[in-house]
C-alpha atoms as a PDB file:
ATOM      1  CA  MET A   1     203.712 357.473  36.615  1.00  0.00           C
ATOM      2  CA  ILE A   2     207.015 359.252  36.316  1.00  0.00           C
ATOM      3  CA  GLN A   3     207.024 362.232  34.253  1.00  0.00           C
ATOM      4  CA  VAL A   4     210.162 362.984  32.354  1.00  0.00           C
ATOM      5  CA  VAL A   5     211.143 366.733  32.080  1.00  0.00           C
ATOM      6  CA  THR A   6     213.576 367.887  29.570  1.00  0.00           C
ATOM      7  CA  SER A   7     214.699 371.416  27.685  1.00  0.00           C
ATOM      8  CA  ARG A   8     213.660 372.552  24.629  1.00  0.00           C
ATOM      9  CA  ARG A   9     217.526 372.535  23.138  1.00  0.00           C
ATOM     10  CA  VAL A  10     218.359 370.258  20.475  1.00  0.00           C
ATOM     11  CA  GLY A  11     218.652 366.410  21.230  1.00  0.00           C
ATOM     12  CA  ASP A  12     215.323 366.829  23.248  1.00  0.00           C
ATOM     13  CA  ALA A  13     214.328 363.577  22.229  1.00  0.00           C
ATOM     14  CA  SER A  14     217.418 362.080  22.677  1.00  0.00           C
ATOM     15  CA  ALA A  15     217.956 363.227  26.291  1.00  0.00           C
ATOM     16  CA  ARG A  16     214.567 361.941  26.917  1.00  0.00           C
ATOM     17  CA  ARG A  17     214.827 358.804  25.535  1.00  0.00           C
ATOM     18  CA  ALA A  18     217.621 358.313  27.735  1.00  0.00           C
ATOM     19  CA  ALA A  19     216.111 359.180  30.800  1.00  0.00           C
ATOM     20  CA  ILE A  20     213.138 356.995  30.203  1.00  0.00           C
ATOM     21  CA  ARG A  21     215.779 354.406  29.832  1.00  0.00           C
ATOM     22  CA  PHE A  22     217.214 354.885  32.657  1.00  0.00           C
ATOM     23  CA  LEU A  23     214.176 355.085  34.747  1.00  0.00           C
ATOM     24  CA  SER A  24     213.143 351.768  33.772  1.00  0.00           C
ATOM     25  CA  THR A  25     215.874 350.528  35.065  1.00  0.00           C
ATOM     26  CA  VAL A  26     215.404 351.635  38.403  1.00  0.00           C
ATOM     27  CA  SER A  27     213.466 349.421  41.060  1.00  0.00           C
ATOM     28  CA  CYS A  28     210.487 350.380  42.833  1.00  0.00           C
ATOM     29  CA  GLU A  29     210.394 347.335  44.861  1.00  0.00           C
ATOM     30  CA  PRO A  30     210.623 347.809  49.037  1.00  0.00           C
ATOM     31  CA  LEU A  31     213.806 347.272  50.432  1.00  0.00           C
ATOM     32  CA  ARG A  32     214.409 344.649  53.001  1.00  0.00           C
ATOM     33  CA  GLY A  33     216.792 344.133  55.994  1.00  0.00           C
ATOM     34  CA  PRO A  34     219.495 341.538  56.130  1.00  0.00           C
ATOM     35  CA  THR A  35     219.029 338.035  57.350  1.00  0.00           C
ATOM     36  CA  PRO A  36     221.149 335.483  58.820  1.00  0.00           C
ATOM     37  CA  ASP A  37     221.585 333.859  55.550  1.00  0.00           C
ATOM     38  CA  ASP A  38     222.606 337.169  53.903  1.00  0.00           C
ATOM     39  CA  VAL A  39     225.189 337.112  56.750  1.00  0.00           C
ATOM     40  CA  LYS A  40     226.484 333.377  55.195  1.00  0.00           C
ATOM     41  CA  HIS A  41     227.113 334.626  52.317  1.00  0.00           C
ATOM     42  CA  PHE A  42     228.437 337.936  53.419  1.00  0.00           C
ATOM     43  CA  ARG A  43     231.205 335.640  55.493  1.00  0.00           C
ATOM     44  CA  ALA A  44     231.813 333.348  52.681  1.00  0.00           C
ATOM     45  CA  MET A  45     232.535 336.387  50.233  1.00  0.00           C
ATOM     46  CA  MET A  46     234.441 337.960  52.544  1.00  0.00           C
ATOM     47  CA  GLY A  47     236.455 335.288  53.653  1.00  0.00           C
ATOM     48  CA  ASN A  48     235.480 334.709  56.757  1.00  0.00           C
ATOM     49  CA  ARG A  49     237.040 337.846  58.322  1.00  0.00           C
ATOM     50  CA  GLU A  50     235.250 338.064  61.722  1.00  0.00           C
ATOM     51  CA  SER A  51     237.020 341.782  62.297  1.00  0.00           C
ATOM     52  CA  SER A  52     235.080 342.770  58.941  1.00  0.00           C
ATOM     53  CA  ILE A  53     231.165 341.671  60.278  1.00  0.00           C
ATOM     54  CA  LEU A  54     229.591 342.891  62.990  1.00  0.00           C
ATOM     55  CA  THR A  55     226.412 340.909  63.984  1.00  0.00           C
ATOM     56  CA  THR A  56     223.474 340.658  66.252  1.00  0.00           C
ATOM     57  CA  MET A  57     222.191 338.078  63.982  1.00  0.00           C
ATOM     58  CA  CYS A  58     224.255 335.046  64.979  1.00  0.00           C
ATOM     59  CA  GLY A  59     224.786 335.877  68.616  1.00  0.00           C
ATOM     60  CA  GLY A  60     226.673 339.162  68.431  1.00  0.00           C
ATOM     61  CA  ASP A  61     226.853 342.116  71.293  1.00  0.00           C
ATOM     62  CA  GLU A  62     224.064 344.697  70.400  1.00  0.00           C
ATOM     63  CA  ASN A  63     226.687 347.063  72.080  1.00  0.00           C
ATOM     64  CA  ASP A  64     229.219 346.376  69.685  1.00  0.00           C
ATOM     65  CA  LEU A  65     226.703 348.135  67.042  1.00  0.00           C
ATOM     66  CA  ASP A  66     226.397 351.106  69.092  1.00  0.00           C
ATOM     67  CA  PRO A  67     229.327 353.118  67.536  1.00  0.00           C
ATOM     68  CA  TYR A  68     227.201 352.570  63.792  1.00  0.00           C
ATOM     69  CA  ASN A  69     223.783 352.746  65.008  1.00  0.00           C
ATOM     70  CA  ILE A  70     224.363 356.220  66.998  1.00  0.00           C
ATOM     71  CA  ASP A  71     225.605 359.099  65.170  1.00  0.00           C
ATOM     72  CA  TRP A  72     228.181 361.775  66.277  1.00  0.00           C
ATOM     73  CA  THR A  73     225.780 363.791  68.097  1.00  0.00           C
ATOM     74  CA  ARG A  74     224.543 361.023  69.788  1.00  0.00           C
ATOM     75  CA  ARG A  75     220.634 362.595  68.397  1.00  0.00           C
ATOM     76  CA  PHE A  76     220.243 359.855  65.961  1.00  0.00           C
ATOM     77  CA  ARG A  77     219.587 356.038  66.382  1.00  0.00           C
ATOM     78  CA  GLY A  78     219.478 353.373  63.947  1.00  0.00           C
ATOM     79  CA  SER A  79     218.824 349.408  64.515  1.00  0.00           C
ATOM     80  CA  SER A  80     220.343 347.901  62.100  1.00  0.00           C
ATOM     81  CA  ARG A  81     222.118 344.545  63.033  1.00  0.00           C
ATOM     82  CA  LEU A  82     224.832 344.289  60.912  1.00  0.00           C
ATOM     83  CA  VAL A  83     227.614 346.005  60.012  1.00  0.00           C
ATOM     84  CA  LEU A  84     230.259 344.981  57.227  1.00  0.00           C
ATOM     85  CA  SER A  85     233.826 346.561  56.551  1.00  0.00           C
ATOM     86  CA  PRO A  86     235.241 345.925  53.434  1.00  0.00           C
ATOM     87  CA  ARG A  87     239.220 346.477  52.531  1.00  0.00           C
ATOM     88  CA  CYS A  88     239.340 347.287  49.474  1.00  0.00           C
ATOM     89  CA  THR A  89     236.469 348.183  46.266  1.00  0.00           C
ATOM     90  CA  ARG A  90     236.392 344.543  44.870  1.00  0.00           C
ATOM     91  CA  GLU A  91     234.732 343.620  48.183  1.00  0.00           C
ATOM     92  CA  VAL A  92     232.487 347.276  47.806  1.00  0.00           C
ATOM     93  CA  SER A  93     231.400 346.333  44.481  1.00  0.00           C
ATOM     94  CA  SER A  94     230.460 343.133  45.136  1.00  0.00           C
ATOM     95  CA  ILE A  95     228.407 343.616  48.855  1.00  0.00           C
ATOM     96  CA  LEU A  96     226.551 346.493  46.592  1.00  0.00           C
ATOM     97  CA  LYS A  97     225.787 344.285  43.485  1.00  0.00           C
ATOM     98  CA  TYR A  98     224.633 341.484  45.800  1.00  0.00           C
ATOM     99  CA  CYS A  99     222.412 344.285  47.972  1.00  0.00           C
ATOM    100  CA  ASN A 100     221.029 345.566  44.887  1.00  0.00           C
ATOM    101  CA  GLN A 101     219.988 342.263  43.581  1.00  0.00           C
ATOM    102  CA  ALA A 102     218.801 341.215  46.955  1.00  0.00           C
ATOM    103  CA  LEU A 103     216.894 344.458  47.713  1.00  0.00           C
ATOM    104  CA  ILE A 104     218.871 345.188  50.709  1.00  0.00           C
ATOM    105  CA  GLY A 105     218.955 348.277  52.200  1.00  0.00           C
ATOM    106  CA  VAL A 106     222.183 349.847  52.260  1.00  0.00           C
ATOM    107  CA  VAL A 107     223.801 353.001  54.454  1.00  0.00           C
ATOM    108  CA  THR A 108     227.353 353.604  54.212  1.00  0.00           C
ATOM    109  CA  GLN A 109     229.588 355.460  56.806  1.00  0.00           C
ATOM    110  CA  GLY A 110     232.867 356.836  56.723  1.00  0.00           C
ATOM    111  CA  GLY A 111     233.898 357.875  60.285  1.00  0.00           C
ATOM    112  CA  ASN A 112     230.230 358.696  61.475  1.00  0.00           C
ATOM    113  CA  THR A 113     231.018 362.107  61.886  1.00  0.00           C
ATOM    114  CA  GLY A 114     228.608 363.711  60.507  1.00  0.00           C
ATOM    115  CA  LEU A 115     226.337 366.199  62.079  1.00  0.00           C
ATOM    116  CA  CYS A 116     222.501 365.370  60.473  1.00  0.00           C
ATOM    117  CA  GLY A 117     222.364 362.094  60.679  1.00  0.00           C
ATOM    118  CA  GLY A 118     222.899 360.899  57.198  1.00  0.00           C
ATOM    119  CA  ALA A 119     225.134 358.012  57.837  1.00  0.00           C
ATOM    120  CA  THR A 120     222.670 356.672  60.603  1.00  0.00           C
ATOM    121  CA  PRO A 121     220.361 353.784  59.427  1.00  0.00           C
ATOM    122  CA  VAL A 122     216.821 354.682  59.397  1.00  0.00           C
ATOM    123  CA  GLY A 123     215.686 350.940  60.123  1.00  0.00           C
ATOM    124  CA  ASP A 124     217.684 347.706  59.508  1.00  0.00           C
ATOM    125  CA  GLU A 125     219.717 348.374  56.662  1.00  0.00           C
ATOM    126  CA  LEU A 126     223.283 347.193  56.186  1.00  0.00           C
ATOM    127  CA  ILE A 127     225.569 349.630  57.248  1.00  0.00           C
ATOM    128  CA  LEU A 128     228.511 349.553  54.987  1.00  0.00           C
ATOM    129  CA  SER A 129     231.641 350.995  57.096  1.00  0.00           C
ATOM    130  CA  LEU A 130     234.348 352.270  55.037  1.00  0.00           C
ATOM    131  CA  LYS A 131     236.917 352.730  57.701  1.00  0.00           C
ATOM    132  CA  LYS A 132     239.068 350.204  56.735  1.00  0.00           C
ATOM    133  CA  MET A 133     239.931 351.291  53.717  1.00  0.00           C
ATOM    134  CA  ASP A 134     242.111 353.984  54.768  1.00  0.00           C
ATOM    135  CA  SER A 135     245.122 353.919  51.889  1.00  0.00           C
ATOM    136  CA  ILE A 136     245.472 355.992  49.081  1.00  0.00           C
ATOM    137  CA  TYR A 137     247.799 354.276  46.373  1.00  0.00           C
ATOM    138  CA  GLY A 138     247.952 357.299  43.894  1.00  0.00           C
ATOM    139  CA  ILE A 139     246.380 361.081  43.433  1.00  0.00           C
ATOM    140  CA  ASP A 140     245.531 361.703  39.855  1.00  0.00           C
ATOM    141  CA  GLU A 141     246.713 364.965  39.636  1.00  0.00           C
ATOM    142  CA  THR A 142     244.589 366.380  36.685  1.00  0.00           C
ATOM    143  CA  SER A 143     241.384 365.621  37.762  1.00  0.00           C
ATOM    144  CA  GLY A 144     242.275 365.613  41.578  1.00  0.00           C
END
């Protein structure tokens, strides 16, 4: 059972109802790793750009995934079999929507230079590498 704790200020009931609505949308289903069928779906979604998909599920070399499965300190190692490198926010959104619906675990990586293993997969999650998204189209000077 999930207990919602709120402060005793005005609007308590409203905050409690909002929290309950949010929590009712959260899935407690176990996540799974990607399958060869998922790879086919991602290939179609990303326009069959081989440079955007690395996988060992369809005959790829496991060594190609080492830079994504091993963190910068070389202390943490994952066992992911799929890396996707989207080029735009539309692709990121489509990938995450599909993974959410299919209950596929996702680990997001920027440069994989962290020191605590936070961007290293624990198991066979999909790695979403954002390395190719390196263009800045504008900065909102008001909000930063």
